[in-house]
Amino acid sequence: MHPVSERLRDARERSGLSQADLARAALMHPSYVSHLERGIRGPGPAALERLATALGITVTYLEQGERSPAYQASEAAVVRARQLVRSGRPGAAAAELAAVDLDALDVDQAGRVLLAHADALDRVGELEEAYRLLAEATQRFTDGHRAVRAAQAAARLVMALTQAGELTPAVQAGEHHLVTLADAASGSDALFRLESTVVWAYVARGDTMYALVRGKDLLARALQDGSARAVSAVHWNLAFVEDAHGHGEEALGHLRAALAIAGADEADNDVPLLRLDLAQLLLQVTPPRPKEALVELDAARLALEISESGVDLARAATFRSRALLMLGQPRAALTYAVKAVELIGPGDRRDGAAAHEVLGDALLASGERVPALKAYREAAARLESMPPGRPAATAWRSVADRLRTAGDSMEAVVEAYGRALGALGTRTTLRPPTGR
């Protein structure tokens, strides 16, 4: 058998093309493609070039596969980058991956490098470049007929844009890729997850009623045509929709449904993150349920520690501190609040603000007003670069309430409330009252 045969067949199957599809794309007769895959004939240089182009891979990959120097160098770079990220050096990881020659790789490996590179850039705060790489990965997967992987990358792109407050671009990118991938990825978990993420982007943008209608329709379709994992993803995002409408119990129901479908496999990346979101919501409902929140945090602890995600561990410590405060344990709460601040480190915005806010709450509950006020001011400083939108408005309102309670100046309090209104696009003429 010709050495190219097996790699050619594998690349065609991964692209989702039939032999006839590949023959049309490469301007060849179907029987010739069949002969190539069976090893009866070997392709010449011109045929190799046309086949590689049609499959979104390189001639070198067809000839050498994973033994090619470019492939092995890229894989080593991905492994080193992962180690650098875990050791707290995402900037070095990004530099390592930036040196990889993507044009020498097949579409799958090039996409793998791009996604890892985007993650490293996101961690160092180079968000615009991270979005560009996520968009490039999505396009490479699409052009290479990897519809499911394209949908997965597109979901990451929409999520990243939403978290950064780029809400209209998030919606536009998501809707575009939903249309582009509708046929090729139809019924896949990845496409349901992508649409769920788009629904979440609509919520963040303030289109909550539309998001609720769209989300319920999506759940009905997922229950009929999707896998258990797809249904779980839709429930997960519907929880945010219901929460945005103030339907706390409905939101809890969706999260519990998502968790029940996902199962009890704590090694599954989704399970500990679901538990984190459930714990957060249990602390927000009326009345709050801190004991139940602690149960969820205990269940997620080991998996979060194994993942070594500083942001997720900081969120867990923040929620634990909040629950302990509600249970009347300020000293224990202070211990976890300090841990959350240490874990979050510099540079993060929203989660960093929450960690400093709960630190201020724990200090204030312990009778330490001056340090508490300092923590609240740091929380406000963390919000300075947070993009406008509902999350920013909620965060600014929360900090404003605490600055007022801790006795900060009226100017600082009014400024914080004004920022909350501004985050919603409301112009304000708030001014501190005279004589104060």
Protein backbone atom coordinates (compact mmCIF):
# COMPACT_ATOMS: atom_id res chain seq x y z
CA MET A 1 0.00 0.00 0.00
CA HIS A 2 1.24 3.46 -0.88
CA PRO A 3 2.19 5.38 2.32
CA VAL A 4 -0.14 8.26 1.45
CA SER A 5 -3.24 6.05 1.21
CA GLU A 6 -4.10 5.72 4.88
CA ARG A 7 -3.49 9.39 5.66
CA LEU A 8 -5.57 10.42 2.66
CA ARG A 9 -8.53 8.29 3.76
CA ASP A 10 -8.22 9.48 7.37
CA ALA A 11 -8.08 13.14 6.34
CA ARG A 12 -11.09 12.72 4.05
CA GLU A 13 -13.16 11.02 6.76
CA ARG A 14 -12.25 13.66 9.34
CA SER A 15 -13.34 16.34 6.89
CA GLY A 16 -16.75 14.68 6.48
CA LEU A 17 -16.34 14.32 2.70
CA SER A 18 -17.25 11.31 0.61
CA GLN A 19 -14.87 10.06 -2.07
CA ALA A 20 -17.14 11.72 -4.66
CA ASP A 21 -17.05 15.02 -2.72
CA LEU A 22 -13.26 14.94 -2.57
CA ALA A 23 -13.01 14.05 -6.24
CA ARG A 24 -15.14 17.06 -7.21
CA ALA A 25 -13.19 19.41 -4.95
CA ALA A 26 -9.84 18.17 -6.27
CA LEU A 27 -11.00 17.99 -9.92
CA MET A 28 -10.42 14.22 -10.11
CA HIS A 29 -12.37 11.17 -11.15
CA PRO A 30 -13.96 9.33 -8.18
CA SER A 31 -12.39 6.03 -9.22
CA TYR A 32 -8.94 7.67 -9.09
CA VAL A 33 -9.56 8.79 -5.48
CA SER A 34 -10.74 5.26 -4.67
CA HIS A 35 -7.56 3.79 -6.15
CA LEU A 36 -5.43 6.22 -4.16
CA GLU A 37 -7.11 5.31 -0.86
CA ARG A 38 -6.79 1.59 -1.57
CA GLY A 39 -3.11 1.98 -2.40
CA ILE A 40 -3.49 0.72 -5.95
CA ARG A 41 -1.97 3.92 -7.28
CA GLY A 42 0.23 6.63 -5.86
CA PRO A 43 -0.47 10.35 -6.47
CA GLY A 44 1.92 12.56 -8.35
CA PRO A 45 3.03 16.01 -7.10
CA ALA A 46 0.19 17.88 -8.82
CA ALA A 47 -2.44 15.45 -7.51
CA LEU A 48 -1.02 15.70 -3.99
CA GLU A 49 -1.29 19.48 -4.13
CA ARG A 50 -4.94 19.40 -5.26
CA LEU A 51 -5.87 16.79 -2.65
CA ALA A 52 -4.20 18.71 0.17
CA THR A 53 -5.94 21.93 -0.86
CA ALA A 54 -9.33 20.22 -1.01
CA LEU A 55 -8.83 18.68 2.45
CA GLY A 56 -7.43 21.77 4.15
CA ILE A 57 -4.11 20.09 4.93
CA THR A 58 -0.53 20.34 3.69
CA VAL A 59 1.31 18.18 1.18
CA THR A 60 3.91 17.57 3.88
CA TYR A 61 1.24 16.18 6.19
CA LEU A 62 -0.04 13.84 3.45
CA GLU A 63 3.49 12.63 2.85
CA GLN A 64 4.74 12.41 6.43
CA GLY A 65 1.76 12.76 8.77
CA GLU A 66 2.56 13.23 12.44
CA ARG A 67 6.19 12.31 11.74
CA SER A 68 6.78 15.59 9.96
CA PRO A 69 9.19 17.97 11.75
CA ALA A 70 6.62 20.78 11.63
CA TYR A 71 3.96 18.65 13.31
CA GLN A 72 6.29 17.41 16.03
CA ALA A 73 7.60 20.93 16.69
CA SER A 74 4.05 22.29 16.99
CA GLU A 75 3.01 19.51 19.37
CA ALA A 76 6.05 20.17 21.56
CA ALA A 77 5.15 23.88 21.60
CA VAL A 78 1.58 23.12 22.72
CA VAL A 79 2.86 20.90 25.55
CA ARG A 80 5.40 23.51 26.70
CA ALA A 81 2.76 26.25 26.52
CA ARG A 82 0.40 24.23 28.69
CA GLN A 83 3.16 23.81 31.29
CA LEU A 84 3.95 27.55 31.20
CA VAL A 85 0.30 28.47 31.73
CA ARG A 86 0.05 26.14 34.71
CA SER A 87 3.16 27.69 36.21
CA GLY A 88 1.64 31.17 35.92
CA ARG A 89 3.53 32.32 32.81
CA PRO A 90 0.85 32.76 30.12
CA GLY A 91 2.88 35.47 28.36
CA ALA A 92 5.73 33.03 27.76
CA ALA A 93 3.19 30.44 26.60
CA ALA A 94 1.78 32.90 24.06
CA ALA A 95 5.27 33.66 22.76
CA GLU A 96 5.99 29.93 22.40
CA LEU A 97 2.87 29.37 20.32
CA ALA A 98 3.31 32.52 18.23
CA ALA A 99 6.50 30.98 16.80
CA VAL A 100 4.68 27.95 15.35
CA ASP A 101 4.44 27.86 11.54
CA LEU A 102 0.72 27.25 11.06
CA ASP A 103 0.95 26.97 7.29
CA ALA A 104 3.07 23.82 7.65
CA LEU A 105 0.31 22.05 9.62
CA ASP A 106 -2.92 20.29 8.76
CA VAL A 107 -6.15 22.05 9.72
CA ASP A 108 -6.67 20.07 12.92
CA GLN A 109 -3.24 20.76 14.38
CA ALA A 110 -3.24 24.39 13.24
CA GLY A 111 -6.59 24.87 14.97
CA ARG A 112 -5.27 23.21 18.11
CA VAL A 113 -2.34 25.64 18.22
CA LEU A 114 -4.59 28.65 17.56
CA LEU A 115 -6.99 27.73 20.37
CA ALA A 116 -4.14 27.23 22.85
CA HIS A 117 -2.59 30.53 21.74
CA ALA A 118 -5.91 32.37 22.18
CA ASP A 119 -6.28 30.95 25.69
CA ALA A 120 -2.79 32.15 26.66
CA LEU A 121 -3.44 35.63 25.26
CA ASP A 122 -6.75 35.83 27.10
CA ARG A 123 -4.95 35.09 30.36
CA VAL A 124 -2.51 37.97 29.85
CA GLY A 125 -5.28 40.38 28.87
CA GLU A 126 -4.53 40.69 25.14
CA LEU A 127 -8.18 40.22 24.34
CA GLU A 128 -8.41 41.62 20.81
CA GLU A 129 -5.65 39.32 19.57
CA ALA A 130 -7.28 36.39 21.37
CA TYR A 131 -10.58 37.08 19.56
CA ARG A 132 -8.75 37.26 16.24
CA LEU A 133 -7.15 33.87 16.78
CA LEU A 134 -10.45 32.30 17.85
CA ALA A 135 -12.06 33.68 14.70
CA GLU A 136 -9.18 32.36 12.59
CA ALA A 137 -9.46 28.91 14.17
CA THR A 138 -13.21 28.87 13.48
CA GLN A 139 -12.65 29.85 9.85
CA ARG A 140 -9.89 27.25 9.34
CA PHE A 141 -12.13 24.51 10.72
CA THR A 142 -15.00 25.70 8.52
CA ASP A 143 -12.87 25.82 5.36
CA GLY A 144 -11.40 22.42 6.21
CA HIS A 145 -14.89 20.84 6.49
CA ARG A 146 -14.53 20.32 10.26
CA ALA A 147 -18.01 21.59 11.05
CA VAL A 148 -18.24 20.26 14.60
CA ARG A 149 -14.84 21.64 15.56
CA ALA A 150 -15.78 24.94 13.90
CA ALA A 151 -18.92 25.12 16.05
CA GLN A 152 -16.85 24.41 19.18
CA ALA A 153 -14.39 27.18 18.31
CA ALA A 154 -17.22 29.57 17.45
CA ALA A 155 -18.81 28.95 20.86
CA ARG A 156 -15.52 29.87 22.50
CA LEU A 157 -15.36 33.03 20.40
CA VAL A 158 -18.90 34.10 21.35
CA MET A 159 -18.24 33.35 25.02
CA ALA A 160 -14.99 35.33 25.05
CA LEU A 161 -16.59 38.33 23.35
CA THR A 162 -19.54 38.24 25.75
CA GLN A 163 -17.36 38.03 28.85
CA ALA A 164 -15.40 41.05 27.62
CA GLY A 165 -18.56 43.07 27.03
CA GLU A 166 -18.30 43.02 23.22
CA LEU A 167 -21.95 42.07 23.12
CA THR A 168 -23.11 43.04 19.62
CA PRO A 169 -20.01 41.48 17.98
CA ALA A 170 -20.66 38.36 20.07
CA VAL A 171 -24.24 38.08 18.83
CA GLN A 172 -23.26 38.81 15.23
CA ALA A 173 -20.44 36.26 15.22
CA GLY A 174 -22.62 33.60 16.80
CA GLU A 175 -25.55 34.09 14.44
CA HIS A 176 -23.22 34.09 11.41
CA HIS A 177 -21.61 30.79 12.36
CA LEU A 178 -24.96 29.22 13.22
CA VAL A 179 -26.10 29.90 9.65
CA THR A 180 -22.79 28.84 8.10
CA LEU A 181 -22.63 25.54 10.00
CA ALA A 182 -26.35 24.74 10.13
CA ASP A 183 -26.26 21.93 7.57
CA ALA A 184 -22.83 20.41 8.14
CA ALA A 185 -23.10 20.32 11.97
CA SER A 186 -26.87 19.80 12.21
CA GLY A 187 -27.96 17.97 15.36
CA SER A 188 -24.47 17.97 16.89
CA ASP A 189 -23.78 18.79 20.52
CA ALA A 190 -21.43 21.53 19.36
CA LEU A 191 -24.12 23.35 17.39
CA PHE A 192 -26.60 23.21 20.29
CA ARG A 193 -23.87 24.54 22.60
CA LEU A 194 -23.06 27.33 20.15
CA GLU A 195 -26.68 28.45 19.99
CA SER A 196 -26.92 28.25 23.79
CA THR A 197 -23.92 30.56 24.03
CA VAL A 198 -25.56 32.99 21.59
CA VAL A 199 -28.67 33.02 23.81
CA TRP A 200 -26.40 33.93 26.74
CA ALA A 201 -24.93 36.79 24.68
CA TYR A 202 -28.45 38.14 24.07
CA VAL A 203 -29.06 38.08 27.83
CA ALA A 204 -25.87 40.02 28.51
CA ARG A 205 -26.87 42.55 25.85
CA GLY A 206 -30.19 43.11 27.60
CA ASP A 207 -32.43 41.29 25.11
CA THR A 208 -33.78 39.12 27.91
CA MET A 209 -37.31 38.51 26.60
CA TYR A 210 -36.04 37.43 23.20
CA ALA A 211 -33.43 35.26 24.91
CA LEU A 212 -36.11 33.57 27.00
CA VAL A 213 -38.26 32.74 23.97
CA ARG A 214 -35.24 31.62 21.94
CA GLY A 215 -33.89 29.56 24.83
CA LYS A 216 -37.15 27.70 25.43
CA ASP A 217 -37.45 26.92 21.73
CA LEU A 218 -33.86 25.68 21.74
CA LEU A 219 -34.56 23.43 24.73
CA ALA A 220 -37.56 21.90 22.94
CA ARG A 221 -35.40 21.15 19.90
CA ALA A 222 -32.59 19.75 22.03
CA LEU A 223 -35.00 17.44 23.87
CA GLN A 224 -36.27 16.15 20.55
CA ASP A 225 -33.07 15.90 18.50
CA GLY A 226 -30.09 16.48 20.78
CA SER A 227 -27.96 14.25 22.96
CA ALA A 228 -27.99 14.36 26.75
CA ARG A 229 -24.93 16.61 26.67
CA ALA A 230 -26.67 19.05 24.34
CA VAL A 231 -29.75 19.18 26.59
CA SER A 232 -27.50 19.81 29.60
CA ALA A 233 -25.79 22.72 27.82
CA VAL A 234 -29.14 24.31 26.95
CA HIS A 235 -30.42 23.98 30.53
CA TRP A 236 -27.19 25.56 31.75
CA ASN A 237 -27.60 28.66 29.62
CA LEU A 238 -31.33 28.91 30.27
CA ALA A 239 -30.47 29.27 33.94
CA PHE A 240 -28.78 32.62 33.14
CA VAL A 241 -31.82 33.70 31.14
CA GLU A 242 -34.24 32.93 33.97
CA ASP A 243 -31.92 34.59 36.48
CA ALA A 244 -31.86 37.74 34.33
CA HIS A 245 -35.67 37.78 34.56
CA GLY A 246 -35.50 37.44 38.36
CA HIS A 247 -36.81 33.86 38.27
CA GLY A 248 -34.44 32.41 40.85
CA GLU A 249 -36.23 29.11 41.41
CA GLU A 250 -36.58 28.45 37.67
CA ALA A 251 -32.88 29.22 37.23
CA LEU A 252 -31.99 26.76 40.00
CA GLY A 253 -34.17 24.16 38.33
CA HIS A 254 -32.30 24.51 35.05
CA LEU A 255 -28.90 24.25 36.71
CA ARG A 256 -29.95 21.18 38.67
CA ALA A 257 -31.31 19.61 35.49
CA ALA A 258 -28.03 20.33 33.70
CA LEU A 259 -26.07 18.81 36.57
CA ALA A 260 -28.30 15.74 36.78
CA ILE A 261 -27.90 15.09 33.05
CA ALA A 262 -24.14 15.68 33.16
CA GLY A 263 -23.91 13.05 35.89
CA ALA A 264 -21.64 12.80 38.89
CA ASP A 265 -18.37 12.52 36.99
CA GLU A 266 -16.41 15.30 38.66
CA ALA A 267 -13.57 14.75 36.17
CA ASP A 268 -15.86 16.12 33.45
CA ASN A 269 -14.86 19.76 33.08
CA ASP A 270 -18.49 20.87 32.94
CA VAL A 271 -19.49 19.34 36.28
CA PRO A 272 -17.36 21.45 38.67
CA LEU A 273 -18.19 24.61 36.71
CA LEU A 274 -21.89 23.77 36.92
CA ARG A 275 -21.49 23.34 40.68
CA LEU A 276 -19.80 26.75 40.90
CA ASP A 277 -22.67 28.42 39.07
CA LEU A 278 -25.19 26.56 41.23
CA ALA A 279 -23.41 27.66 44.41
CA GLN A 280 -23.41 31.27 43.21
CA LEU A 281 -27.12 31.18 42.44
CA LEU A 282 -27.95 29.54 45.78
CA LEU A 283 -26.35 32.54 47.47
CA GLN A 284 -28.33 35.02 45.33
CA VAL A 285 -31.87 33.64 45.64
CA THR A 286 -34.32 34.88 48.26
CA PRO A 287 -33.88 33.57 50.86
CA PRO A 288 -30.26 32.53 50.23
CA ARG A 289 -29.21 28.93 50.89
CA PRO A 290 -25.60 29.06 52.11
CA LYS A 291 -25.51 25.50 53.46
CA GLU A 292 -26.57 24.08 50.11
CA ALA A 293 -23.99 26.30 48.39
CA LEU A 294 -21.23 24.88 50.61
CA VAL A 295 -22.29 21.34 49.68
CA GLU A 296 -21.84 22.16 45.99
CA LEU A 297 -18.48 23.83 46.62
CA ASP A 298 -17.25 20.81 48.60
CA ALA A 299 -18.27 18.50 45.75
CA ALA A 300 -16.39 20.62 43.19
CA ARG A 301 -13.25 21.22 45.26
CA LEU A 302 -11.03 18.33 44.12
CA ALA A 303 -11.79 18.74 40.41
CA LEU A 304 -11.11 22.49 40.61
CA GLU A 305 -7.79 21.91 42.37
CA ILE A 306 -6.77 19.41 39.70
CA SER A 307 -7.68 21.85 36.93
CA GLU A 308 -5.34 24.45 38.44
CA SER A 309 -7.48 27.30 37.09
CA GLY A 310 -6.72 30.29 39.29
CA VAL A 311 -9.89 32.13 38.24
CA ASP A 312 -12.17 29.17 39.02
CA LEU A 313 -10.45 28.49 42.34
CA ALA A 314 -10.80 32.19 43.22
CA ARG A 315 -14.51 32.07 42.38
CA ALA A 316 -14.92 29.04 44.63
CA ALA A 317 -13.11 30.79 47.51
CA THR A 318 -15.22 33.93 46.97
CA PHE A 319 -18.48 31.98 47.13
CA ARG A 320 -17.32 30.02 50.17
CA SER A 321 -16.46 33.24 51.97
CA ARG A 322 -19.87 34.67 51.09
CA ALA A 323 -21.65 31.54 52.38
CA LEU A 324 -19.69 31.59 55.65
CA LEU A 325 -20.60 35.24 56.18
CA MET A 326 -24.26 34.36 55.78
CA LEU A 327 -23.80 31.62 58.38
CA GLY A 328 -22.30 34.10 60.88
CA GLN A 329 -18.67 32.96 60.61
CA PRO A 330 -16.75 36.16 59.71
CA ARG A 331 -13.29 34.95 60.72
CA ALA A 332 -13.53 31.81 58.58
CA ALA A 333 -15.00 33.95 55.80
CA LEU A 334 -12.03 36.30 56.05
CA THR A 335 -9.60 33.41 55.56
CA TYR A 336 -11.25 32.39 52.28
CA ALA A 337 -11.64 35.99 51.10
CA VAL A 338 -7.89 36.54 51.50
CA LYS A 339 -7.30 33.31 49.58
CA ALA A 340 -9.60 34.48 46.77
CA VAL A 341 -7.72 37.77 46.43
CA GLU A 342 -4.37 35.94 46.33
CA LEU A 343 -5.61 33.48 43.71
CA ILE A 344 -7.14 36.05 41.40
CA GLY A 345 -3.99 38.11 41.25
CA PRO A 346 -3.64 41.30 39.20
CA GLY A 347 -5.23 42.01 35.84
CA ASP A 348 -8.61 40.29 36.11
CA ARG A 349 -11.67 42.49 36.18
CA ARG A 350 -15.03 41.07 37.20
CA ASP A 351 -13.89 38.16 39.35
CA GLY A 352 -11.18 40.30 40.89
CA ALA A 353 -13.77 42.85 41.95
CA ALA A 354 -15.95 40.16 43.54
CA ALA A 355 -13.01 38.79 45.51
CA HIS A 356 -12.10 42.22 46.91
CA GLU A 357 -15.75 42.94 47.62
CA VAL A 358 -16.20 39.84 49.76
CA LEU A 359 -12.90 40.62 51.47
CA GLY A 360 -14.35 44.00 52.43
CA ASP A 361 -17.53 42.32 53.68
CA ALA A 362 -15.55 39.91 55.86
CA LEU A 363 -13.39 42.73 57.26
CA LEU A 364 -16.43 44.89 57.98
CA ALA A 365 -18.18 41.98 59.71
CA SER A 366 -15.04 41.56 61.82
CA GLY A 367 -15.17 45.21 62.92
CA GLU A 368 -12.30 46.40 60.69
CA ARG A 369 -13.92 49.31 58.88
CA VAL A 370 -10.83 51.05 57.49
CA PRO A 371 -9.33 47.93 55.82
CA ALA A 372 -12.83 47.06 54.58
CA LEU A 373 -13.14 50.46 52.90
CA LYS A 374 -9.75 49.92 51.26
CA ALA A 375 -10.94 46.56 49.91
CA TYR A 376 -14.12 48.11 48.52
CA ARG A 377 -12.11 50.85 46.81
CA GLU A 378 -9.91 48.18 45.25
CA ALA A 379 -13.04 46.40 44.02
CA ALA A 380 -14.15 49.66 42.40
CA ALA A 381 -10.72 50.09 40.80
CA ARG A 382 -11.02 46.58 39.32
CA LEU A 383 -14.26 47.62 37.65
CA GLU A 384 -12.76 50.67 35.93
CA SER A 385 -11.93 48.83 32.71
CA MET A 386 -14.93 46.51 32.77
CA PRO A 387 -16.96 46.98 29.59
CA PRO A 388 -20.50 48.36 29.87
CA GLY A 389 -23.51 46.06 30.12
CA ARG A 390 -25.76 44.41 32.67
CA PRO A 391 -22.92 42.61 34.53
CA ALA A 392 -20.98 45.86 34.92
CA ALA A 393 -24.07 47.75 36.11
CA THR A 394 -24.80 45.08 38.73
CA ALA A 395 -21.19 45.07 39.91
CA TRP A 396 -21.01 48.87 40.21
CA ARG A 397 -24.31 49.01 42.11
CA SER A 398 -23.04 46.40 44.55
CA VAL A 399 -19.79 48.27 45.18
CA ALA A 400 -21.65 51.56 45.56
CA ASP A 401 -23.88 50.07 48.25
CA ARG A 402 -20.84 48.86 50.16
CA LEU A 403 -18.93 52.14 49.88
CA ARG A 404 -21.96 53.87 51.36
CA THR A 405 -22.28 51.34 54.19
CA ALA A 406 -18.56 51.59 55.02
CA GLY A 407 -18.78 55.37 55.22
CA ASP A 408 -16.83 56.45 52.14
CA SER A 409 -17.14 60.03 50.90
CA MET A 410 -20.41 61.05 49.29
CA GLU A 411 -18.47 61.93 46.13
CA ALA A 412 -17.13 58.37 45.82
CA VAL A 413 -20.53 56.83 46.50
CA VAL A 414 -22.33 59.02 43.96
CA GLU A 415 -19.60 58.32 41.41
CA ALA A 416 -20.09 54.57 41.83
CA TYR A 417 -23.87 54.81 41.45
CA GLY A 418 -23.35 56.97 38.38
CA ARG A 419 -21.08 54.33 36.89
CA ALA A 420 -23.81 51.74 37.43
CA LEU A 421 -26.26 53.87 35.47
CA GLY A 422 -23.67 54.60 32.80
CA ALA A 423 -22.99 50.89 32.31
CA LEU A 424 -26.64 50.53 31.26
CA GLY A 425 -26.33 53.41 28.82
CA THR A 426 -28.25 55.82 31.05
CA ARG A 427 -26.95 59.38 31.14
CA THR A 428 -26.96 60.81 34.63
CA THR A 429 -26.45 64.18 36.28
CA LEU A 430 -26.04 62.72 39.78
CA ARG A 431 -24.14 65.08 42.04
CA PRO A 432 -23.33 64.88 45.78
CA PRO A 433 -25.81 66.94 47.83
CA THR A 434 -24.53 70.34 48.89
CA GLY A 435 -23.34 70.89 52.41
CA ARG A 436 -22.00 67.40 52.82
